[in-house]
C-alpha atoms as a PDB file:
ATOM      1  CA  ALA A   1     112.507 131.149  82.591  1.00  0.00           C
ATOM      2  CA  ASP A   2     110.825 132.941  86.199  1.00  0.00           C
ATOM      3  CA  GLY A   3     112.995 135.393  88.082  1.00  0.00           C
ATOM      4  CA  GLY A   4     116.078 134.894  85.092  1.00  0.00           C
ATOM      5  CA  THR A   5     116.711 136.858  82.115  1.00  0.00           C
ATOM      6  CA  LEU A   6     115.293 135.981  78.600  1.00  0.00           C
ATOM      7  CA  LEU A   7     116.986 136.890  75.288  1.00  0.00           C
ATOM      8  CA  LEU A   8     115.447 137.849  72.208  1.00  0.00           C
ATOM      9  CA  ASP A   9     117.993 137.539  69.266  1.00  0.00           C
ATOM     10  CA  GLU A  10     116.994 139.652  66.590  1.00  0.00           C
ATOM     11  CA  ILE A  11     113.774 140.886  67.574  1.00  0.00           C
ATOM     12  CA  SER A  12     113.362 142.858  64.609  1.00  0.00           C
ATOM     13  CA  GLU A  13     112.611 139.482  62.917  1.00  0.00           C
ATOM     14  CA  MET A  14     109.626 138.156  64.880  1.00  0.00           C
ATOM     15  CA  ASP A  15     106.043 138.547  63.321  1.00  0.00           C
ATOM     16  CA  ALA A  16     102.956 140.708  64.233  1.00  0.00           C
ATOM     17  CA  ARG A  17     101.283 137.860  66.260  1.00  0.00           C
ATOM     18  CA  LEU A  18     104.234 137.336  68.302  1.00  0.00           C
ATOM     19  CA  GLN A  19     105.051 140.996  69.274  1.00  0.00           C
ATOM     20  CA  ALA A  20     101.342 141.383  70.905  1.00  0.00           C
ATOM     21  CA  LYS A  21     101.950 138.040  73.192  1.00  0.00           C
ATOM     22  CA  LEU A  22     105.538 139.518  74.089  1.00  0.00           C
ATOM     23  CA  LEU A  23     103.978 143.050  74.520  1.00  0.00           C
ATOM     24  CA  ARG A  24     100.871 141.702  76.935  1.00  0.00           C
ATOM     25  CA  ALA A  25     103.693 139.698  78.388  1.00  0.00           C
ATOM     26  CA  ILE A  26     105.952 142.500  79.352  1.00  0.00           C
ATOM     27  CA  GLN A  27     102.643 145.066  80.563  1.00  0.00           C
ATOM     28  CA  GLU A  28     100.831 142.349  81.946  1.00  0.00           C
ATOM     29  CA  ARG A  29     103.946 140.267  83.651  1.00  0.00           C
ATOM     30  CA  VAL A  30     101.826 136.819  82.780  1.00  0.00           C
ATOM     31  CA  ILE A  31     101.772 134.241  80.235  1.00  0.00           C
ATOM     32  CA  ASP A  32      99.686 131.569  78.747  1.00  0.00           C
ATOM     33  CA  ARG A  33     101.401 128.241  79.060  1.00  0.00           C
ATOM     34  CA  VAL A  34     100.711 125.980  76.414  1.00  0.00           C
ATOM     35  CA  GLY A  35      97.911 124.265  77.388  1.00  0.00           C
ATOM     36  CA  GLY A  36      97.202 125.993  80.296  1.00  0.00           C
ATOM     37  CA  THR A  37      93.626 127.285  81.704  1.00  0.00           C
ATOM     38  CA  LYS A  38      95.099 130.482  82.808  1.00  0.00           C
ATOM     39  CA  PRO A  39      97.729 132.866  82.810  1.00  0.00           C
ATOM     40  CA  VAL A  40     101.012 132.211  84.726  1.00  0.00           C
ATOM     41  CA  PRO A  41     102.490 134.846  86.457  1.00  0.00           C
ATOM     42  CA  VAL A  42     106.263 135.614  85.520  1.00  0.00           C
ATOM     43  CA  ASN A  43     108.663 138.157  86.665  1.00  0.00           C
ATOM     44  CA  ILE A  44     111.863 138.000  84.387  1.00  0.00           C
ATOM     45  CA  ARG A  45     115.035 140.998  82.586  1.00  0.00           C
ATOM     46  CA  ILE A  46     114.479 141.314  78.685  1.00  0.00           C
ATOM     47  CA  ILE A  47     117.784 141.582  76.647  1.00  0.00           C
ATOM     48  CA  ALA A  48     116.724 141.509  73.285  1.00  0.00           C
ATOM     49  CA  THR A  49     118.909 142.350  70.086  1.00  0.00           C
ATOM     50  CA  SER A  50     118.657 143.895  66.619  1.00  0.00           C
ATOM     51  CA  ASN A  51     120.955 144.088  63.625  1.00  0.00           C
ATOM     52  CA  ARG A  52     118.339 146.688  62.736  1.00  0.00           C
ATOM     53  CA  ASP A  53     117.258 149.840  63.302  1.00  0.00           C
ATOM     54  CA  LEU A  54     114.310 149.668  65.241  1.00  0.00           C
ATOM     55  CA  ALA A  55     112.984 152.963  64.854  1.00  0.00           C
ATOM     56  CA  LYS A  56     112.951 152.858  61.470  1.00  0.00           C
ATOM     57  CA  ALA A  57     111.190 149.032  61.587  1.00  0.00           C
ATOM     58  CA  VAL A  58     108.411 150.853  63.198  1.00  0.00           C
ATOM     59  CA  ALA A  59     108.547 153.502  60.618  1.00  0.00           C
ATOM     60  CA  GLU A  60     107.678 150.741  57.960  1.00  0.00           C
ATOM     61  CA  GLY A  61     105.085 149.055  59.453  1.00  0.00           C
ATOM     62  CA  SER A  62     106.730 146.176  60.611  1.00  0.00           C
ATOM     63  CA  PHE A  63     107.640 146.710  64.101  1.00  0.00           C
ATOM     64  CA  ARG A  64     104.668 147.692  67.357  1.00  0.00           C
ATOM     65  CA  GLU A  65     105.877 151.074  68.393  1.00  0.00           C
ATOM     66  CA  ASP A  66     104.503 150.523  71.537  1.00  0.00           C
ATOM     67  CA  LEU A  67     106.880 147.011  72.020  1.00  0.00           C
ATOM     68  CA  LEU A  68     109.737 149.288  71.451  1.00  0.00           C
ATOM     69  CA  TYR A  69     108.821 151.868  74.002  1.00  0.00           C
ATOM     70  CA  ARG A  70     108.483 149.133  76.235  1.00  0.00           C
ATOM     71  CA  LEU A  71     111.964 147.250  75.564  1.00  0.00           C
ATOM     72  CA  ASN A  72     113.985 150.696  74.874  1.00  0.00           C
ATOM     73  CA  VAL A  73     114.553 151.191  78.688  1.00  0.00           C
ATOM     74  CA  VAL A  74     118.764 151.122  77.999  1.00  0.00           C
ATOM     75  CA  ASN A  75     119.834 150.998  74.555  1.00  0.00           C
ATOM     76  CA  LEU A  76     123.101 149.528  74.178  1.00  0.00           C
ATOM     77  CA  ARG A  77     124.494 149.979  70.361  1.00  0.00           C
ATOM     78  CA  LEU A  78     127.501 147.843  69.850  1.00  0.00           C
ATOM     79  CA  PRO A  79     129.888 149.301  66.786  1.00  0.00           C
ATOM     80  CA  ALA A  80     130.604 147.823  64.066  1.00  0.00           C
ATOM     81  CA  LEU A  81     133.615 145.480  63.629  1.00  0.00           C
ATOM     82  CA  ARG A  82     135.241 148.333  60.850  1.00  0.00           C
ATOM     83  CA  GLU A  83     134.756 150.652  64.030  1.00  0.00           C
ATOM     84  CA  ARG A  84     136.927 148.398  66.451  1.00  0.00           C
ATOM     85  CA  PRO A  85     140.066 147.747  64.618  1.00  0.00           C
ATOM     86  CA  GLY A  86     141.732 147.222  67.885  1.00  0.00           C
ATOM     87  CA  ASP A  87     139.466 143.930  67.983  1.00  0.00           C
ATOM     88  CA  VAL A  88     139.966 142.625  64.906  1.00  0.00           C
ATOM     89  CA  ALA A  89     143.530 140.929  65.546  1.00  0.00           C
ATOM     90  CA  VAL A  90     142.382 139.864  69.139  1.00  0.00           C
ATOM     91  CA  LEU A  91     138.951 138.033  68.079  1.00  0.00           C
ATOM     92  CA  ALA A  92     141.237 136.992  64.969  1.00  0.00           C
ATOM     93  CA  ASP A  93     143.804 135.205  67.106  1.00  0.00           C
ATOM     94  CA  HIS A  94     140.369 133.497  69.152  1.00  0.00           C
ATOM     95  CA  PHE A  95     139.315 132.117  66.388  1.00  0.00           C
ATOM     96  CA  VAL A  96     142.738 130.483  65.307  1.00  0.00           C
ATOM     97  CA  LYS A  97     143.080 128.543  68.560  1.00  0.00           C
ATOM     98  CA  LYS A  98     139.436 127.626  68.278  1.00  0.00           C
ATOM     99  CA  TYR A  99     139.449 126.394  65.148  1.00  0.00           C
ATOM    100  CA  ALA A 100     143.000 124.800  65.119  1.00  0.00           C
ATOM    101  CA  ALA A 101     141.793 122.783  68.136  1.00  0.00           C
ATOM    102  CA  ALA A 102     138.478 121.760  66.454  1.00  0.00           C
ATOM    103  CA  ASN A 103     140.056 120.491  63.347  1.00  0.00           C
ATOM    104  CA  GLY A 104     143.150 118.675  65.264  1.00  0.00           C
ATOM    105  CA  VAL A 105     145.908 121.012  63.629  1.00  0.00           C
ATOM    106  CA  PRO A 106     148.817 123.248  65.600  1.00  0.00           C
ATOM    107  CA  VAL A 107     147.890 126.781  66.054  1.00  0.00           C
ATOM    108  CA  ARG A 108     149.884 128.502  63.828  1.00  0.00           C
ATOM    109  CA  PRO A 109     150.635 132.201  64.150  1.00  0.00           C
ATOM    110  CA  LEU A 110     149.053 134.973  61.647  1.00  0.00           C
ATOM    111  CA  SER A 111     152.061 136.704  60.173  1.00  0.00           C
ATOM    112  CA  LEU A 112     152.547 140.528  59.916  1.00  0.00           C
ATOM    113  CA  ASP A 113     151.127 140.667  56.365  1.00  0.00           C
ATOM    114  CA  ALA A 114     148.114 138.684  57.625  1.00  0.00           C
ATOM    115  CA  ARG A 115     147.574 140.953  60.214  1.00  0.00           C
ATOM    116  CA  ARG A 116     147.242 144.263  57.712  1.00  0.00           C
ATOM    117  CA  ALA A 117     145.354 142.339  55.604  1.00  0.00           C
ATOM    118  CA  LEU A 118     142.666 141.476  58.510  1.00  0.00           C
ATOM    119  CA  ALA A 119     142.769 145.462  59.997  1.00  0.00           C
ATOM    120  CA  SER A 120     142.367 146.957  56.094  1.00  0.00           C
ATOM    121  CA  HIS A 121     139.286 144.725  55.396  1.00  0.00           C
ATOM    122  CA  ARG A 122     136.065 146.374  56.291  1.00  0.00           C
ATOM    123  CA  TRP A 123     134.168 143.535  57.447  1.00  0.00           C
ATOM    124  CA  PRO A 124     130.454 144.241  56.368  1.00  0.00           C
ATOM    125  CA  GLY A 125     129.635 140.631  58.489  1.00  0.00           C
ATOM    126  CA  ASN A 126     131.263 141.901  61.577  1.00  0.00           C
ATOM    127  CA  VAL A 127     132.403 139.277  63.617  1.00  0.00           C
ATOM    128  CA  ARG A 128     130.904 136.015  61.771  1.00  0.00           C
ATOM    129  CA  GLU A 129     132.617 137.278  59.018  1.00  0.00           C
ATOM    130  CA  LEU A 130     135.761 137.442  60.529  1.00  0.00           C
ATOM    131  CA  GLU A 131     135.166 134.069  62.377  1.00  0.00           C
ATOM    132  CA  ASN A 132     134.108 132.177  58.583  1.00  0.00           C
ATOM    133  CA  ALA A 133     137.233 133.659  57.410  1.00  0.00           C
ATOM    134  CA  MET A 134     139.789 132.727  60.339  1.00  0.00           C
ATOM    135  CA  HIS A 135     138.403 129.066  59.941  1.00  0.00           C
ATOM    136  CA  ARG A 136     139.268 129.280  56.273  1.00  0.00           C
ATOM    137  CA  ALA A 137     142.587 130.315  57.304  1.00  0.00           C
ATOM    138  CA  VAL A 138     142.723 127.541  59.841  1.00  0.00           C
ATOM    139  CA  LEU A 139     142.300 124.706  56.761  1.00  0.00           C
ATOM    140  CA  LEU A 140     144.075 127.144  53.840  1.00  0.00           C
ATOM    141  CA  ALA A 141     147.147 127.502  55.134  1.00  0.00           C
ATOM    142  CA  VAL A 142     150.669 126.124  54.306  1.00  0.00           C
ATOM    143  CA  GLY A 143     153.928 126.934  56.634  1.00  0.00           C
ATOM    144  CA  PRO A 144     154.409 127.804  59.692  1.00  0.00           C
ATOM    145  CA  GLU A 145     152.590 131.014  59.718  1.00  0.00           C
ATOM    146  CA  ILE A 146     148.576 131.963  58.634  1.00  0.00           C
ATOM    147  CA  ASP A 147     149.792 134.560  55.707  1.00  0.00           C
ATOM    148  CA  ALA A 148     147.552 136.400  53.587  1.00  0.00           C
ATOM    149  CA  GLU A 149     146.828 134.222  51.372  1.00  0.00           C
ATOM    150  CA  ALA A 150     145.062 131.759  53.219  1.00  0.00           C
ATOM    151  CA  ILE A 151     142.585 134.584  54.006  1.00  0.00           C
ATOM    152  CA  ARG A 152     140.208 134.656  52.069  1.00  0.00           C
ATOM    153  CA  LEU A 153     136.426 135.864  51.406  1.00  0.00           C
ATOM    154  CA  PRO A 154     133.640 132.731  50.479  1.00  0.00           C
ATOM    155  CA  ASP A 155     133.791 133.732  46.884  1.00  0.00           C
ATOM    156  CA  GLY A 156     138.025 132.745  47.260  1.00  0.00           C
ATOM    157  CA  GLN A 157     138.554 135.954  46.216  1.00  0.00           C
ATOM    158  CA  PRO A 158     141.664 137.643  48.593  1.00  0.00           C
ATOM    159  CA  LEU A 159     140.812 140.663  51.292  1.00  0.00           C
ATOM    160  CA  THR A 160     141.174 144.211  50.673  1.00  0.00           C
ATOM    161  CA  GLY A 161     144.446 145.536  50.176  1.00  0.00           C
ATOM    162  CA  VAL A 162     145.925 141.659  49.207  1.00  0.00           C
ATOM    163  CA  THR A 163     147.288 140.963  45.798  1.00  0.00           C
ATOM    164  CA  ALA A 164     145.699 137.967  44.361  1.00  0.00           C
ATOM    165  CA  ALA A 165     148.069 135.507  42.220  1.00  0.00           C
ATOM    166  CA  SER A 166     147.434 133.554  39.624  1.00  0.00           C
ATOM    167  CA  GLY A 167     148.480 130.097  38.409  1.00  0.00           C
ATOM    168  CA  ALA A 168     151.922 128.942  38.747  1.00  0.00           C
ATOM    169  CA  ASP A 169     152.729 132.226  40.441  1.00  0.00           C
ATOM    170  CA  ALA A 170     149.858 131.392  42.914  1.00  0.00           C
ATOM    171  CA  GLY A 171     150.511 129.318  46.696  1.00  0.00           C
ATOM    172  CA  PRO A 172     149.168 126.514  48.050  1.00  0.00           C
ATOM    173  CA  ALA A 173     146.373 128.540  49.866  1.00  0.00           C
ATOM    174  CA  ALA A 174     145.441 130.935  47.104  1.00  0.00           C
ATOM    175  CA  ARG A 175     145.473 127.927  44.613  1.00  0.00           C
ATOM    176  CA  ALA A 176     143.246 126.074  46.427  1.00  0.00           C
ATOM    177  CA  ALA A 177     140.824 128.882  47.094  1.00  0.00           C
ATOM    178  CA  GLN A 178     140.694 129.801  43.832  1.00  0.00           C
ATOM    179  CA  THR A 179     140.120 126.431  42.208  1.00  0.00           C
ATOM    180  CA  ALA A 180     136.933 125.967  44.725  1.00  0.00           C
ATOM    181  CA  ASP A 181     134.308 126.945  41.940  1.00  0.00           C
ATOM    182  CA  ALA A 182     135.744 124.886  39.122  1.00  0.00           C
ATOM    183  CA  VAL A 183     135.315 121.781  41.823  1.00  0.00           C
ATOM    184  CA  SER A 184     131.749 122.645  42.778  1.00  0.00           C
ATOM    185  CA  ARG A 185     130.695 123.098  38.874  1.00  0.00           C
ATOM    186  CA  ALA A 186     132.333 119.742  37.883  1.00  0.00           C
ATOM    187  CA  TYR A 187     130.054 118.052  40.575  1.00  0.00           C
ATOM    188  CA  VAL A 188     127.337 118.770  38.414  1.00  0.00           C
ATOM    189  CA  GLY A 189     125.822 114.934  36.435  1.00  0.00           C
ATOM    190  CA  GLN A 190     127.972 113.250  38.706  1.00  0.00           C
ATOM    191  CA  THR A 191     127.044 110.466  40.938  1.00  0.00           C
ATOM    192  CA  VAL A 192     127.114 110.361  44.966  1.00  0.00           C
ATOM    193  CA  ALA A 193     129.681 108.289  44.771  1.00  0.00           C
ATOM    194  CA  GLN A 194     131.934 110.048  41.987  1.00  0.00           C
ATOM    195  CA  MET A 195     131.478 113.309  43.853  1.00  0.00           C
ATOM    196  CA  GLU A 196     132.589 111.779  47.212  1.00  0.00           C
ATOM    197  CA  LYS A 197     135.851 110.257  45.107  1.00  0.00           C
ATOM    198  CA  THR A 198     136.202 113.653  43.893  1.00  0.00           C
ATOM    199  CA  LEU A 199     135.623 115.592  46.972  1.00  0.00           C
ATOM    200  CA  ILE A 200     138.018 113.057  49.308  1.00  0.00           C
ATOM    201  CA  LEU A 201     140.503 113.504  46.565  1.00  0.00           C
ATOM    202  CA  ASP A 202     140.575 117.307  46.241  1.00  0.00           C
ATOM    203  CA  THR A 203     140.819 117.637  50.412  1.00  0.00           C
ATOM    204  CA  LEU A 204     143.773 114.786  50.539  1.00  0.00           C
ATOM    205  CA  THR A 205     145.823 117.125  47.561  1.00  0.00           C
ATOM    206  CA  HIS A 206     144.830 120.327  49.659  1.00  0.00           C
ATOM    207  CA  CYS A 207     145.933 118.718  52.769  1.00  0.00           C
ATOM    208  CA  LEU A 208     149.553 117.813  50.961  1.00  0.00           C
ATOM    209  CA  GLY A 209     148.625 113.876  51.430  1.00  0.00           C
ATOM    210  CA  ASN A 210     147.981 114.494  54.968  1.00  0.00           C
ATOM    211  CA  ARG A 211     145.520 111.492  55.920  1.00  0.00           C
ATOM    212  CA  THR A 212     144.427 113.440  59.683  1.00  0.00           C
ATOM    213  CA  HIS A 213     144.133 116.606  58.211  1.00  0.00           C
ATOM    214  CA  ALA A 214     142.304 115.660  55.496  1.00  0.00           C
ATOM    215  CA  ALA A 215     139.797 113.244  57.687  1.00  0.00           C
ATOM    216  CA  ASN A 216     139.056 116.341  60.179  1.00  0.00           C
ATOM    217  CA  ILE A 217     138.204 118.445  57.479  1.00  0.00           C
ATOM    218  CA  LEU A 218     135.869 115.711  55.265  1.00  0.00           C
ATOM    219  CA  GLY A 219     134.161 115.281  59.377  1.00  0.00           C
ATOM    220  CA  ILE A 220     135.045 111.290  58.807  1.00  0.00           C
ATOM    221  CA  SER A 221     137.416 109.324  61.195  1.00  0.00           C
ATOM    222  CA  ILE A 222     140.727 108.071  59.515  1.00  0.00           C
ATOM    223  CA  ARG A 223     139.811 104.819  59.325  1.00  0.00           C
ATOM    224  CA  THR A 224     137.019 105.425  57.391  1.00  0.00           C
ATOM    225  CA  LEU A 225     139.185 107.495  54.382  1.00  0.00           C
ATOM    226  CA  ARG A 226     141.837 105.041  54.822  1.00  0.00           C
ATOM    227  CA  ASN A 227     139.167 102.657  53.765  1.00  0.00           C
ATOM    228  CA  LYS A 228     138.330 104.763  50.297  1.00  0.00           C
ATOM    229  CA  LEU A 229     141.215 105.118  49.639  1.00  0.00           C
ATOM    230  CA  ASN A 230     142.631 101.694  49.754  1.00  0.00           C
ATOM    231  CA  GLU A 231     139.110 101.102  47.697  1.00  0.00           C
ATOM    232  CA  TYR A 232     140.128 103.958  45.043  1.00  0.00           C
ATOM    233  CA  ALA A 233     143.833 102.490  44.601  1.00  0.00           C
ATOM    234  CA  ASP A 234     142.501  98.908  44.050  1.00  0.00           C
ATOM    235  CA  GLU A 235     140.282 100.766  41.360  1.00  0.00           C
ATOM    236  CA  GLY A 236     143.422 102.029  39.721  1.00  0.00           C
ATOM    237  CA  THR A 237     143.311 105.472  41.205  1.00  0.00           C
ATOM    238  CA  ALA A 238     146.796 107.184  42.169  1.00  0.00           C
ATOM    239  CA  ILE A 239     146.630 108.392  45.510  1.00  0.00           C
ATOM    240  CA  MET A 240     148.633 110.984  46.789  1.00  0.00           C
ATOM    241  CA  ALA A 241     151.196 110.132  49.478  1.00  0.00           C
ATOM    242  CA  PRO A 242     152.133 112.304  52.765  1.00  0.00           C
ATOM    243  CA  GLN A 243     154.354 115.226  51.682  1.00  0.00           C
ATOM    244  CA  ASN A 244     158.023 114.740  53.595  1.00  0.00           C
ATOM    245  CA  GLY A 245     159.546 118.205  54.450  1.00  0.00           C
ATOM    246  CA  VAL A 246     156.415 120.232  54.320  1.00  0.00           C
ATOM    247  CA  ALA A 247     154.662 119.739  57.526  1.00  0.00           C
ATOM    248  CA  THR A 248     156.488 120.518  60.696  1.00  0.00           C
ATOM    249  CA  GLY A 249     155.438 119.830  64.279  1.00  0.00           C
ATOM    250  CA  ALA A 250     151.839 118.030  64.767  1.00  0.00           C
ATOM    251  CA  TYR A 251     151.404 118.072  60.829  1.00  0.00           C
ATOM    252  CA  ALA A 252     154.444 115.510  60.657  1.00  0.00           C
ATOM    253  CA  ASN A 253     153.302 113.082  63.532  1.00  0.00           C
ATOM    254  CA  ASN A 254     149.814 113.049  62.511  1.00  0.00           C
ATOM    255  CA  ALA A 255     150.751 112.773  58.181  1.00  0.00           C
ATOM    256  CA  ALA A 256     150.498 109.124  58.315  1.00  0.00           C
END
């Protein structure tokens, strides 16, 4: 790191012992190398990040006041995502492209309703929450666009301002999100093989029979998935066939 920049992420979580060592390194510009017998001089620039108020942490006794003074030369505050509404749509589009590529599915645009739902949500988890929501939306969305019903919270609930449909009135994405908790509860008491079978078949159903899409979500090869499905078919289990007329573009080409 000598001559470079050192990023200390979430420095507020550093324990007292390491805080003391860091303070010495900043003040004296030397470090003790593991296994070394003498101090090693270093010349580095330090960037420290924290999602907590360090002044409050000092008052609570969990962070050293002298270390805060040493670090607090230039203080930059990054506003919460809810304070940057103009960034939400831009970041959402970026994450859609990222996770569409990662899962081997076509990039679909966000619908107007989806953009309104994103703008109305408070995003207490900031960018990480938005990224995870868009990852789920890429996997749950059905049709040419990513609609608002595909953008779900981790518990399957819709974002603020989105009315949840239930039962037969719910769309495919909503039904998939609403049954997530029931599926996880159904695993209790099953063997690993039974759990694997349930997960594979449920994922295939969610993907409307699209083998390639299901394999991407499961993180296995298409060959492994086909072998598993053949095994289940030999046991007498009904295997969902790819649904014609639902997939478009790359979905139709990959549905075999």
